[in-house]
């Protein structure tokens, strides 16, 4: 597991980190956490999900855990914030 700073939030379940990650010979900075699926930006609740993730993570440190795959250039992996799964944070936001 390694720590990264969230530098940009794309939507409710995608963000960019610094420094970039490396996994299985690939590298990048875009991350897609496992465990939850937020609405797309054009769907109802999409902007609210992005706003929530921005308030929670922007300029904060996250831990990237086990990686599973690359999806459209995003590293799909377990993400922890303050020792708690980001999926648990998302579930508790309501």
PDB file of N, CA and C in Angstrom:
ATOM      1  N   UNK A   1       0.838  -1.191   0.000  1.00  0.00           N
ATOM      2  CA  UNK A   1       0.000   0.000   0.000  1.00  0.00           C
ATOM      3  C   UNK A   1       0.875   1.244   0.000  1.00  0.00           C
ATOM      4  N   UNK A   2       0.421   2.238  -0.729  1.00  0.00           N
ATOM      5  CA  UNK A   2       1.188   3.466  -0.817  1.00  0.00           C
ATOM      6  C   UNK A   2       0.251   4.661  -0.671  1.00  0.00           C
ATOM      7  N   UNK A   3       0.807   5.758  -0.194  1.00  0.00           N
ATOM      8  CA  UNK A   3       0.013   6.970   0.018  1.00  0.00           C
ATOM      9  C   UNK A   3       0.177   7.943  -1.149  1.00  0.00           C
ATOM     10  N   UNK A   4      -0.925   8.597  -1.477  1.00  0.00           N
ATOM     11  CA  UNK A   4      -0.965   9.549  -2.571  1.00  0.00           C
ATOM     12  C   UNK A   4      -1.842  10.729  -2.161  1.00  0.00           C
ATOM     13  N   UNK A   5      -1.638  11.871  -2.802  1.00  0.00           N
ATOM     14  CA  UNK A   5      -2.472  13.047  -2.576  1.00  0.00           C
ATOM     15  C   UNK A   5      -3.476  13.167  -3.712  1.00  0.00           C
ATOM     16  N   UNK A   6      -4.731  13.377  -3.379  1.00  0.00           N
ATOM     17  CA  UNK A   6      -5.771  13.580  -4.390  1.00  0.00           C
ATOM     18  C   UNK A   6      -5.652  15.017  -4.887  1.00  0.00           C
ATOM     19  N   UNK A   7      -5.401  15.170  -6.194  1.00  0.00           N
ATOM     20  CA  UNK A   7      -5.166  16.498  -6.759  1.00  0.00           C
ATOM     21  C   UNK A   7      -6.297  16.983  -7.667  1.00  0.00           C
ATOM     22  N   UNK A   8      -7.206  16.068  -8.048  1.00  0.00           N
ATOM     23  CA  UNK A   8      -8.324  16.455  -8.915  1.00  0.00           C
ATOM     24  C   UNK A   8      -9.420  15.407  -8.792  1.00  0.00           C
ATOM     25  N   UNK A   9     -10.666  15.857  -8.696  1.00  0.00           N
ATOM     26  CA  UNK A   9     -11.801  14.938  -8.658  1.00  0.00           C
ATOM     27  C   UNK A   9     -12.531  15.054  -9.992  1.00  0.00           C
ATOM     28  N   UNK A  10     -12.669  13.920 -10.683  1.00  0.00           N
ATOM     29  CA  UNK A  10     -13.304  13.885 -12.002  1.00  0.00           C
ATOM     30  C   UNK A  10     -14.813  13.766 -11.859  1.00  0.00           C
ATOM     31  N   UNK A  11     -15.241  12.835 -11.019  1.00  0.00           N
ATOM     32  CA  UNK A  11     -16.662  12.628 -10.743  1.00  0.00           C
ATOM     33  C   UNK A  11     -16.780  11.915  -9.401  1.00  0.00           C
ATOM     34  N   UNK A  12     -17.926  11.344  -9.102  1.00  0.00           N
ATOM     35  CA  UNK A  12     -18.149  10.761  -7.788  1.00  0.00           C
ATOM     36  C   UNK A  12     -17.384   9.494  -7.482  1.00  0.00           C
ATOM     37  N   UNK A  13     -16.756   8.898  -8.506  1.00  0.00           N
ATOM     38  CA  UNK A  13     -15.970   7.690  -8.253  1.00  0.00           C
ATOM     39  C   UNK A  13     -14.701   7.614  -9.092  1.00  0.00           C
ATOM     40  N   UNK A  14     -14.150   8.766  -9.435  1.00  0.00           N
ATOM     41  CA  UNK A  14     -12.882   8.812 -10.169  1.00  0.00           C
ATOM     42  C   UNK A  14     -12.127  10.063  -9.748  1.00  0.00           C
ATOM     43  N   UNK A  15     -10.824   9.895  -9.495  1.00  0.00           N
ATOM     44  CA  UNK A  15     -10.007  11.042  -9.125  1.00  0.00           C
ATOM     45  C   UNK A  15      -8.567  10.821  -9.562  1.00  0.00           C
ATOM     46  N   UNK A  16      -7.789  11.907  -9.550  1.00  0.00           N
ATOM     47  CA  UNK A  16      -6.382  11.862  -9.919  1.00  0.00           C
ATOM     48  C   UNK A  16      -5.531  12.037  -8.668  1.00  0.00           C
ATOM     49  N   UNK A  17      -4.383  11.349  -8.659  1.00  0.00           N
ATOM     50  CA  UNK A  17      -3.479  11.406  -7.524  1.00  0.00           C
ATOM     51  C   UNK A  17      -2.083  11.847  -7.958  1.00  0.00           C
ATOM     52  N   UNK A  18      -1.332  12.303  -6.976  1.00  0.00           N
ATOM     53  CA  UNK A  18       0.068  12.642  -7.160  1.00  0.00           C
ATOM     54  C   UNK A  18       0.841  12.090  -5.973  1.00  0.00           C
ATOM     55  N   UNK A  19       2.004  11.515  -6.176  1.00  0.00           N
ATOM     56  CA  UNK A  19       2.607  11.214  -7.470  1.00  0.00           C
ATOM     57  C   UNK A  19       1.800  10.132  -8.174  1.00  0.00           C
ATOM     58  N   UNK A  20       2.142   9.886  -9.417  1.00  0.00           N
ATOM     59  CA  UNK A  20       1.445   8.857 -10.180  1.00  0.00           C
ATOM     60  C   UNK A  20       1.718   7.463  -9.642  1.00  0.00           C
ATOM     61  N   UNK A  21       0.813   6.540  -9.948  1.00  0.00           N
ATOM     62  CA  UNK A  21       0.958   5.146  -9.533  1.00  0.00           C
ATOM     63  C   UNK A  21       1.633   4.341 -10.639  1.00  0.00           C
ATOM     64  N   UNK A  22       2.161   3.182 -10.254  1.00  0.00           N
ATOM     65  CA  UNK A  22       2.711   2.213 -11.203  1.00  0.00           C
ATOM     66  C   UNK A  22       2.155   0.852 -10.830  1.00  0.00           C
ATOM     67  N   UNK A  23       1.684   0.118 -11.840  1.00  0.00           N
ATOM     68  CA  UNK A  23       1.109  -1.206 -11.584  1.00  0.00           C
ATOM     69  C   UNK A  23       1.231  -2.063 -12.834  1.00  0.00           C
ATOM     70  N   UNK A  24       1.777  -3.244 -12.694  1.00  0.00           N
ATOM     71  CA  UNK A  24       1.897  -4.213 -13.792  1.00  0.00           C
ATOM     72  C   UNK A  24       2.461  -3.599 -15.067  1.00  0.00           C
ATOM     73  N   UNK A  25       3.479  -2.791 -14.931  1.00  0.00           N
ATOM     74  CA  UNK A  25       4.124  -2.171 -16.077  1.00  0.00           C
ATOM     75  C   UNK A  25       3.420  -0.936 -16.621  1.00  0.00           C
ATOM     76  N   UNK A  26       2.284  -0.599 -16.059  1.00  0.00           N
ATOM     77  CA  UNK A  26       1.548   0.605 -16.473  1.00  0.00           C
ATOM     78  C   UNK A  26       1.762   1.695 -15.436  1.00  0.00           C
ATOM     79  N   UNK A  27       1.499   2.924 -15.845  1.00  0.00           N
ATOM     80  CA  UNK A  27       1.578   4.045 -14.912  1.00  0.00           C
ATOM     81  C   UNK A  27       0.530   5.079 -15.268  1.00  0.00           C
ATOM     82  N   UNK A  28       0.153   5.865 -14.287  1.00  0.00           N
ATOM     83  CA  UNK A  28      -0.845   6.897 -14.502  1.00  0.00           C
ATOM     84  C   UNK A  28      -1.152   7.611 -13.218  1.00  0.00           C
ATOM     85  N   UNK A  29      -2.201   8.401 -13.234  1.00  0.00           N
ATOM     86  CA  UNK A  29      -2.587   9.110 -12.013  1.00  0.00           C
ATOM     87  C   UNK A  29      -4.082   9.010 -11.733  1.00  0.00           C
ATOM     88  N   UNK A  30      -4.859   8.421 -12.650  1.00  0.00           N
ATOM     89  CA  UNK A  30      -6.306   8.328 -12.457  1.00  0.00           C
ATOM     90  C   UNK A  30      -6.668   7.041 -11.711  1.00  0.00           C
ATOM     91  N   UNK A  31      -7.580   7.180 -10.736  1.00  0.00           N
ATOM     92  CA  UNK A  31      -7.954   6.059  -9.857  1.00  0.00           C
ATOM     93  C   UNK A  31      -9.467   5.903  -9.853  1.00  0.00           C
ATOM     94  N   UNK A  32      -9.900   4.648  -9.864  1.00  0.00           N
ATOM     95  CA  UNK A  32     -11.319   4.284  -9.720  1.00  0.00           C
ATOM     96  C   UNK A  32     -11.413   3.347  -8.526  1.00  0.00           C
ATOM     97  N   UNK A  33     -11.954   3.810  -7.382  1.00  0.00           N
ATOM     98  CA  UNK A  33     -12.037   2.962  -6.187  1.00  0.00           C
ATOM     99  C   UNK A  33     -12.989   1.785  -6.377  1.00  0.00           C
ATOM    100  N   UNK A  34     -12.708   0.701  -5.703  1.00  0.00           N
ATOM    101  CA  UNK A  34     -13.602  -0.450  -5.698  1.00  0.00           C
ATOM    102  C   UNK A  34     -14.677  -0.256  -4.635  1.00  0.00           C
ATOM    103  N   UNK A  35     -15.761  -1.003  -4.776  1.00  0.00           N
ATOM    104  CA  UNK A  35     -16.754  -1.082  -3.712  1.00  0.00           C
ATOM    105  C   UNK A  35     -17.974  -0.209  -3.836  1.00  0.00           C
ATOM    106  N   UNK A  36     -17.978   0.736  -4.762  1.00  0.00           N
ATOM    107  CA  UNK A  36     -19.175   1.542  -4.963  1.00  0.00           C
ATOM    108  C   UNK A  36     -19.171   2.113  -6.369  1.00  0.00           C
ATOM    109  N   UNK A  37     -20.336   2.529  -6.820  1.00  0.00           N
ATOM    110  CA  UNK A  37     -20.495   3.091  -8.152  1.00  0.00           C
ATOM    111  C   UNK A  37     -21.377   4.327  -8.038  1.00  0.00           C
ATOM    112  N   UNK A  38     -20.801   5.493  -8.198  1.00  0.00           N
ATOM    113  CA  UNK A  38     -21.558   6.748  -8.115  1.00  0.00           C
ATOM    114  C   UNK A  38     -22.251   7.016  -9.448  1.00  0.00           C
ATOM    115  N   UNK A  39     -23.325   7.797  -9.426  1.00  0.00           N
ATOM    116  CA  UNK A  39     -23.988   8.166 -10.675  1.00  0.00           C
ATOM    117  C   UNK A  39     -23.028   8.938 -11.586  1.00  0.00           C
ATOM    118  N   UNK A  40     -23.234   8.779 -12.892  1.00  0.00           N
ATOM    119  CA  UNK A  40     -22.454   9.554 -13.861  1.00  0.00           C
ATOM    120  C   UNK A  40     -22.855  11.023 -13.773  1.00  0.00           C
ATOM    121  N   UNK A  41     -22.000  11.908 -14.266  1.00  0.00           N
ATOM    122  CA  UNK A  41     -22.247  13.341 -14.150  1.00  0.00           C
ATOM    123  C   UNK A  41     -23.562  13.768 -14.820  1.00  0.00           C
ATOM    124  N   UNK A  42     -23.975  13.108 -15.885  1.00  0.00           N
ATOM    125  CA  UNK A  42     -25.206  13.475 -16.581  1.00  0.00           C
ATOM    126  C   UNK A  42     -26.454  12.838 -15.960  1.00  0.00           C
ATOM    127  N   UNK A  43     -26.255  12.008 -14.943  1.00  0.00           N
ATOM    128  CA  UNK A  43     -27.375  11.344 -14.272  1.00  0.00           C
ATOM    129  C   UNK A  43     -27.765  12.105 -13.004  1.00  0.00           C
ATOM    130  N   UNK A  44     -29.015  11.933 -12.536  1.00  0.00           N
ATOM    131  CA  UNK A  44     -29.407  12.551 -11.267  1.00  0.00           C
ATOM    132  C   UNK A  44     -28.469  12.110 -10.136  1.00  0.00           C
ATOM    133  N   UNK A  45     -28.004  13.045  -9.364  1.00  0.00           N
ATOM    134  CA  UNK A  45     -27.101  12.758  -8.252  1.00  0.00           C
ATOM    135  C   UNK A  45     -25.634  12.762  -8.625  1.00  0.00           C
ATOM    136  N   UNK A  46     -25.326  12.868  -9.907  1.00  0.00           N
ATOM    137  CA  UNK A  46     -23.926  12.844 -10.342  1.00  0.00           C
ATOM    138  C   UNK A  46     -23.116  14.012  -9.800  1.00  0.00           C
ATOM    139  N   UNK A  47     -23.650  15.225  -9.912  1.00  0.00           N
ATOM    140  CA  UNK A  47     -22.933  16.399  -9.413  1.00  0.00           C
ATOM    141  C   UNK A  47     -22.808  16.348  -7.892  1.00  0.00           C
ATOM    142  N   UNK A  48     -23.845  15.887  -7.206  1.00  0.00           N
ATOM    143  CA  UNK A  48     -23.790  15.788  -5.743  1.00  0.00           C
ATOM    144  C   UNK A  48     -22.719  14.788  -5.306  1.00  0.00           C
ATOM    145  N   UNK A  49     -22.588  13.679  -6.032  1.00  0.00           N
ATOM    146  CA  UNK A  49     -21.562  12.687  -5.703  1.00  0.00           C
ATOM    147  C   UNK A  49     -20.160  13.270  -5.909  1.00  0.00           C
ATOM    148  N   UNK A  50     -19.983  14.018  -7.001  1.00  0.00           N
ATOM    149  CA  UNK A  50     -18.686  14.658  -7.242  1.00  0.00           C
ATOM    150  C   UNK A  50     -18.383  15.682  -6.151  1.00  0.00           C
ATOM    151  N   UNK A  51     -19.379  16.496  -5.799  1.00  0.00           N
ATOM    152  CA  UNK A  51     -19.179  17.511  -4.755  1.00  0.00           C
ATOM    153  C   UNK A  51     -18.802  16.857  -3.435  1.00  0.00           C
ATOM    154  N   UNK A  52     -19.461  15.753  -3.102  1.00  0.00           N
ATOM    155  CA  UNK A  52     -19.160  15.037  -1.864  1.00  0.00           C
ATOM    156  C   UNK A  52     -17.718  14.532  -1.872  1.00  0.00           C
ATOM    157  N   UNK A  53     -17.315  13.890  -2.982  1.00  0.00           N
ATOM    158  CA  UNK A  53     -15.953  13.340  -3.061  1.00  0.00           C
ATOM    159  C   UNK A  53     -14.917  14.457  -3.018  1.00  0.00           C
ATOM    160  N   UNK A  54     -15.220  15.577  -3.656  1.00  0.00           N
ATOM    161  CA  UNK A  54     -14.308  16.718  -3.634  1.00  0.00           C
ATOM    162  C   UNK A  54     -14.115  17.229  -2.204  1.00  0.00           C
ATOM    163  N   UNK A  55     -15.215  17.416  -1.478  1.00  0.00           N
ATOM    164  CA  UNK A  55     -15.110  17.881  -0.079  1.00  0.00           C
ATOM    165  C   UNK A  55     -14.337  16.887   0.781  1.00  0.00           C
ATOM    166  N   UNK A  56     -14.542  15.614   0.526  1.00  0.00           N
ATOM    167  CA  UNK A  56     -13.896  14.587   1.341  1.00  0.00           C
ATOM    168  C   UNK A  56     -12.408  14.453   1.047  1.00  0.00           C
ATOM    169  N   UNK A  57     -12.025  14.444  -0.234  1.00  0.00           N
ATOM    170  CA  UNK A  57     -10.671  14.019  -0.588  1.00  0.00           C
ATOM    171  C   UNK A  57      -9.737  15.045  -1.208  1.00  0.00           C
ATOM    172  N   UNK A  58     -10.243  16.104  -1.808  1.00  0.00           N
ATOM    173  CA  UNK A  58      -9.342  17.001  -2.532  1.00  0.00           C
ATOM    174  C   UNK A  58      -8.242  17.535  -1.624  1.00  0.00           C
ATOM    175  N   UNK A  59      -7.009  17.375  -2.078  1.00  0.00           N
ATOM    176  CA  UNK A  59      -5.792  17.795  -1.369  1.00  0.00           C
ATOM    177  C   UNK A  59      -5.535  16.988  -0.093  1.00  0.00           C
ATOM    178  N   UNK A  60      -6.182  15.847   0.039  1.00  0.00           N
ATOM    179  CA  UNK A  60      -5.977  14.969   1.196  1.00  0.00           C
ATOM    180  C   UNK A  60      -5.189  13.735   0.757  1.00  0.00           C
ATOM    181  N   UNK A  61      -4.716  12.978   1.724  1.00  0.00           N
ATOM    182  CA  UNK A  61      -3.936  11.779   1.460  1.00  0.00           C
ATOM    183  C   UNK A  61      -4.823  10.546   1.520  1.00  0.00           C
ATOM    184  N   UNK A  62      -4.690   9.694   0.504  1.00  0.00           N
ATOM    185  CA  UNK A  62      -5.382   8.412   0.467  1.00  0.00           C
ATOM    186  C   UNK A  62      -4.342   7.309   0.337  1.00  0.00           C
ATOM    187  N   UNK A  63      -4.742   6.111   0.716  1.00  0.00           N
ATOM    188  CA  UNK A  63      -3.886   4.942   0.554  1.00  0.00           C
ATOM    189  C   UNK A  63      -4.479   4.063  -0.525  1.00  0.00           C
ATOM    190  N   UNK A  64      -3.683   3.761  -1.528  1.00  0.00           N
ATOM    191  CA  UNK A  64      -4.118   2.849  -2.574  1.00  0.00           C
ATOM    192  C   UNK A  64      -3.684   1.446  -2.187  1.00  0.00           C
ATOM    193  N   UNK A  65      -4.656   0.553  -2.120  1.00  0.00           N
ATOM    194  CA  UNK A  65      -4.402  -0.825  -1.727  1.00  0.00           C
ATOM    195  C   UNK A  65      -4.343  -1.743  -2.924  1.00  0.00           C
ATOM    196  N   UNK A  66      -4.910  -2.914  -2.757  1.00  0.00           N
ATOM    197  CA  UNK A  66      -4.861  -3.938  -3.788  1.00  0.00           C
ATOM    198  C   UNK A  66      -5.473  -3.424  -5.092  1.00  0.00           C
ATOM    199  N   UNK A  67      -4.705  -3.581  -6.177  1.00  0.00           N
ATOM    200  CA  UNK A  67      -5.181  -3.191  -7.504  1.00  0.00           C
ATOM    201  C   UNK A  67      -5.712  -4.428  -8.223  1.00  0.00           C
ATOM    202  N   UNK A  68      -6.754  -4.198  -9.028  1.00  0.00           N
ATOM    203  CA  UNK A  68      -7.422  -5.305  -9.711  1.00  0.00           C
ATOM    204  C   UNK A  68      -7.283  -5.267 -11.224  1.00  0.00           C
ATOM    205  N   UNK A  69      -7.350  -4.064 -11.798  1.00  0.00           N
ATOM    206  CA  UNK A  69      -7.268  -3.962 -13.255  1.00  0.00           C
ATOM    207  C   UNK A  69      -7.119  -2.507 -13.658  1.00  0.00           C
ATOM    208  N   UNK A  70      -6.865  -2.314 -14.940  1.00  0.00           N
ATOM    209  CA  UNK A  70      -6.911  -0.992 -15.545  1.00  0.00           C
ATOM    210  C   UNK A  70      -8.208  -0.898 -16.330  1.00  0.00           C
ATOM    211  N   UNK A  71      -8.894   0.214 -16.210  1.00  0.00           N
ATOM    212  CA  UNK A  71     -10.161   0.428 -16.900  1.00  0.00           C
ATOM    213  C   UNK A  71     -10.158   1.835 -17.479  1.00  0.00           C
ATOM    214  N   UNK A  72     -10.042   1.939 -18.793  1.00  0.00           N
ATOM    215  CA  UNK A  72      -9.996   3.243 -19.459  1.00  0.00           C
ATOM    216  C   UNK A  72      -8.903   4.133 -18.869  1.00  0.00           C
ATOM    217  N   UNK A  73      -7.744   3.554 -18.582  1.00  0.00           N
ATOM    218  CA  UNK A  73      -6.619   4.305 -18.045  1.00  0.00           C
ATOM    219  C   UNK A  73      -6.677   4.565 -16.549  1.00  0.00           C
ATOM    220  N   UNK A  74      -7.732   4.062 -15.913  1.00  0.00           N
ATOM    221  CA  UNK A  74      -7.865   4.247 -14.457  1.00  0.00           C
ATOM    222  C   UNK A  74      -7.422   2.975 -13.752  1.00  0.00           C
ATOM    223  N   UNK A  75      -6.706   3.139 -12.662  1.00  0.00           N
ATOM    224  CA  UNK A  75      -6.345   2.004 -11.820  1.00  0.00           C
ATOM    225  C   UNK A  75      -7.521   1.703 -10.906  1.00  0.00           C
ATOM    226  N   UNK A  76      -8.104   0.534 -11.060  1.00  0.00           N
ATOM    227  CA  UNK A  76      -9.212   0.102 -10.212  1.00  0.00           C
ATOM    228  C   UNK A  76      -8.603  -0.599  -9.009  1.00  0.00           C
ATOM    229  N   UNK A  77      -8.776  -0.004  -7.833  1.00  0.00           N
ATOM    230  CA  UNK A  77      -8.103  -0.530  -6.648  1.00  0.00           C
ATOM    231  C   UNK A  77      -8.881  -0.186  -5.378  1.00  0.00           C
ATOM    232  N   UNK A  78      -8.516  -0.857  -4.299  1.00  0.00           N
ATOM    233  CA  UNK A  78      -9.056  -0.523  -2.990  1.00  0.00           C
ATOM    234  C   UNK A  78      -8.445   0.812  -2.567  1.00  0.00           C
ATOM    235  N   UNK A  79      -9.273   1.695  -2.020  1.00  0.00           N
ATOM    236  CA  UNK A  79      -8.809   3.011  -1.573  1.00  0.00           C
ATOM    237  C   UNK A  79      -9.234   3.206  -0.130  1.00  0.00           C
ATOM    238  N   UNK A  80      -8.268   3.629   0.692  1.00  0.00           N
ATOM    239  CA  UNK A  80      -8.544   3.932   2.092  1.00  0.00           C
ATOM    240  C   UNK A  80      -8.328   5.416   2.342  1.00  0.00           C
ATOM    241  N   UNK A  81      -9.218   5.986   3.142  1.00  0.00           N
ATOM    242  CA  UNK A  81      -9.071   7.365   3.602  1.00  0.00           C
ATOM    243  C   UNK A  81      -9.258   7.354   5.100  1.00  0.00           C
ATOM    244  N   UNK A  82      -8.266   7.860   5.806  1.00  0.00           N
ATOM    245  CA  UNK A  82      -8.259   7.851   7.276  1.00  0.00           C
ATOM    246  C   UNK A  82      -8.507   6.437   7.806  1.00  0.00           C
ATOM    247  N   UNK A  83      -7.902   5.449   7.152  1.00  0.00           N
ATOM    248  CA  UNK A  83      -7.964   4.070   7.596  1.00  0.00           C
ATOM    249  C   UNK A  83      -9.261   3.343   7.287  1.00  0.00           C
ATOM    250  N   UNK A  84     -10.173   3.983   6.562  1.00  0.00           N
ATOM    251  CA  UNK A  84     -11.490   3.412   6.266  1.00  0.00           C
ATOM    252  C   UNK A  84     -11.674   3.330   4.749  1.00  0.00           C
ATOM    253  N   UNK A  85     -12.280   2.247   4.295  1.00  0.00           N
ATOM    254  CA  UNK A  85     -12.541   2.063   2.877  1.00  0.00           C
ATOM    255  C   UNK A  85     -13.365   3.215   2.325  1.00  0.00           C
ATOM    256  N   UNK A  86     -13.001   3.685   1.135  1.00  0.00           N
ATOM    257  CA  UNK A  86     -13.774   4.756   0.517  1.00  0.00           C
ATOM    258  C   UNK A  86     -15.209   4.302   0.246  1.00  0.00           C
ATOM    259  N   UNK A  87     -15.405   3.015  -0.023  1.00  0.00           N
ATOM    260  CA  UNK A  87     -16.757   2.483  -0.204  1.00  0.00           C
ATOM    261  C   UNK A  87     -17.581   2.651   1.070  1.00  0.00           C
ATOM    262  N   UNK A  88     -16.957   2.478   2.220  1.00  0.00           N
ATOM    263  CA  UNK A  88     -17.670   2.674   3.500  1.00  0.00           C
ATOM    264  C   UNK A  88     -18.008   4.155   3.698  1.00  0.00           C
ATOM    265  N   UNK A  89     -17.103   5.046   3.327  1.00  0.00           N
ATOM    266  CA  UNK A  89     -17.369   6.481   3.402  1.00  0.00           C
ATOM    267  C   UNK A  89     -18.574   6.822   2.531  1.00  0.00           C
ATOM    268  N   UNK A  90     -18.588   6.250   1.323  1.00  0.00           N
ATOM    269  CA  UNK A  90     -19.683   6.538   0.384  1.00  0.00           C
ATOM    270  C   UNK A  90     -21.014   6.046   0.927  1.00  0.00           C
ATOM    271  N   UNK A  91     -21.020   4.843   1.486  1.00  0.00           N
ATOM    272  CA  UNK A  91     -22.248   4.277   2.035  1.00  0.00           C
ATOM    273  C   UNK A  91     -22.773   5.104   3.209  1.00  0.00           C
ATOM    274  N   UNK A  92     -21.863   5.688   3.996  1.00  0.00           N
ATOM    275  CA  UNK A  92     -22.260   6.439   5.190  1.00  0.00           C
ATOM    276  C   UNK A  92     -22.622   7.899   4.886  1.00  0.00           C
ATOM    277  N   UNK A  93     -22.432   8.326   3.659  1.00  0.00           N
ATOM    278  CA  UNK A  93     -22.641   9.752   3.328  1.00  0.00           C
ATOM    279  C   UNK A  93     -24.091  10.171   3.355  1.00  0.00           C
ATOM    280  N   UNK A  94     -24.998   9.237   3.275  1.00  0.00           N
ATOM    281  CA  UNK A  94     -26.424   9.575   3.170  1.00  0.00           C
ATOM    282  C   UNK A  94     -27.044   9.867   4.506  1.00  0.00           C
TER     283      UNK A  94
END
